[in-house]
Amino acid sequence: MIIGMGIVTFIPRMLPFIMFRGKELPPFLQGVLKNVPYATLGALIFPAVLYIQEDIWYGVIGALAAFVVAFLGANVIVVVMGSIAVLSAYSLFF
């Protein structure tokens, strides 16, 4: 079963390398493919932000804090810790 799962995972990952070897994609398609990870991550995180707690503002404030800290150029650990600190302060006062 593990070998079968490995093969099933390996094939879709290797097909693009085999099919597009020596070929260059159009610039528009390259731009779209560069943004796919960000769009996927946003689609996975956004619903969780709204349903993290009964109070919807808890998730919105946490996401806003993370966005601001990330926009300032901090690394991922600092972004997570900053969001946790803001939400800890929010839960203490409200």
Protein backbone atom coordinates (compact mmCIF):
# COMPACT_ATOMS: atom_id res chain seq x y z
CA MET A 1 0.00 0.00 0.00
CA ILE A 2 2.82 2.42 0.84
CA ILE A 3 4.61 1.70 -2.44
CA GLY A 4 1.34 2.18 -4.36
CA MET A 5 0.68 5.49 -2.61
CA GLY A 6 4.23 6.57 -3.43
CA ILE A 7 3.74 5.75 -7.11
CA VAL A 8 0.39 7.56 -7.22
CA THR A 9 2.03 10.62 -5.66
CA PHE A 10 5.15 10.41 -7.83
CA ILE A 11 3.40 10.26 -11.21
CA PRO A 12 1.50 13.60 -11.10
CA ARG A 13 4.57 15.35 -9.75
CA MET A 14 6.90 14.04 -12.44
CA LEU A 15 4.58 14.38 -15.46
CA PRO A 16 5.04 18.16 -15.80
CA PHE A 17 8.83 17.76 -15.69
CA ILE A 18 8.73 15.13 -18.41
CA MET A 19 6.15 16.87 -20.60
CA PHE A 20 7.64 20.37 -20.44
CA ARG A 21 11.34 19.46 -20.56
CA GLY A 22 13.13 21.99 -22.75
CA LYS A 23 10.00 24.09 -23.27
CA GLU A 24 9.25 27.48 -21.79
CA LEU A 25 5.76 28.42 -20.67
CA PRO A 26 4.19 31.72 -21.79
CA PRO A 27 4.81 34.61 -19.36
CA PHE A 28 1.10 34.87 -18.48
CA LEU A 29 0.95 31.20 -17.48
CA GLN A 30 4.17 31.54 -15.47
CA GLY A 31 2.62 34.45 -13.55
CA VAL A 32 -0.53 32.47 -12.84
CA LEU A 33 1.41 29.44 -11.62
CA LYS A 34 3.58 31.58 -9.33
CA ASN A 35 0.45 32.81 -7.54
CA VAL A 36 -1.23 29.41 -7.09
CA PRO A 37 0.40 28.62 -3.71
CA TYR A 38 -0.73 31.95 -2.26
CA ALA A 39 -4.27 31.53 -3.53
CA THR A 40 -4.47 27.98 -2.19
CA LEU A 41 -3.12 29.00 1.20
CA GLY A 42 -5.59 31.87 1.39
CA ALA A 43 -8.48 29.57 0.48
CA LEU A 44 -7.48 27.15 3.22
CA ILE A 45 -6.89 29.74 5.94
CA PHE A 46 -9.74 32.22 5.40
CA PRO A 47 -12.64 29.96 6.51
CA ALA A 48 -10.66 28.87 9.57
CA VAL A 49 -10.14 32.50 10.54
CA LEU A 50 -13.88 33.09 10.62
CA TYR A 51 -14.71 29.95 12.61
CA ILE A 52 -11.81 29.79 15.07
CA GLN A 53 -14.08 30.83 17.94
CA GLU A 54 -17.68 31.88 18.44
CA ASP A 55 -16.59 35.52 18.49
CA ILE A 56 -15.82 36.28 14.83
CA TRP A 57 -13.76 39.31 15.83
CA TYR A 58 -11.25 37.00 17.52
CA GLY A 59 -10.26 35.54 14.17
CA VAL A 60 -10.45 38.82 12.29
CA ILE A 61 -8.21 40.61 14.80
CA GLY A 62 -5.73 37.71 14.80
CA ALA A 63 -5.57 37.67 11.00
CA LEU A 64 -5.21 41.45 10.86
CA ALA A 65 -2.37 41.37 13.39
CA ALA A 66 -0.61 38.62 11.44
CA PHE A 67 -1.06 40.54 8.19
CA VAL A 68 0.39 43.75 9.66
CA VAL A 69 3.40 41.99 11.18
CA ALA A 70 4.04 40.07 7.94
CA PHE A 71 3.67 43.27 5.90
CA LEU A 72 6.39 44.86 8.05
CA GLY A 73 8.74 42.11 6.88
CA ALA A 74 8.95 39.80 9.87
CA ASN A 75 9.65 36.10 9.46
CA VAL A 76 6.98 33.45 10.03
CA ILE A 77 7.80 32.79 13.70
CA VAL A 78 7.53 36.49 14.54
CA VAL A 79 4.24 36.73 12.65
CA VAL A 80 2.77 33.79 14.59
CA MET A 81 4.06 35.06 17.94
CA GLY A 82 2.78 38.57 17.23
CA SER A 83 -0.67 37.25 16.38
CA ILE A 84 -0.69 35.14 19.55
CA ALA A 85 0.34 38.15 21.64
CA VAL A 86 -2.40 40.33 20.16
CA LEU A 87 -5.05 37.65 20.69
CA SER A 88 -3.85 37.06 24.26
CA ALA A 89 -4.25 40.74 25.01
CA TYR A 90 -7.65 40.76 23.30
CA SER A 91 -8.88 37.80 25.34
CA LEU A 92 -7.68 39.42 28.58
CA PHE A 93 -9.49 42.71 27.99
CA PHE A 94 -12.66 41.49 26.24
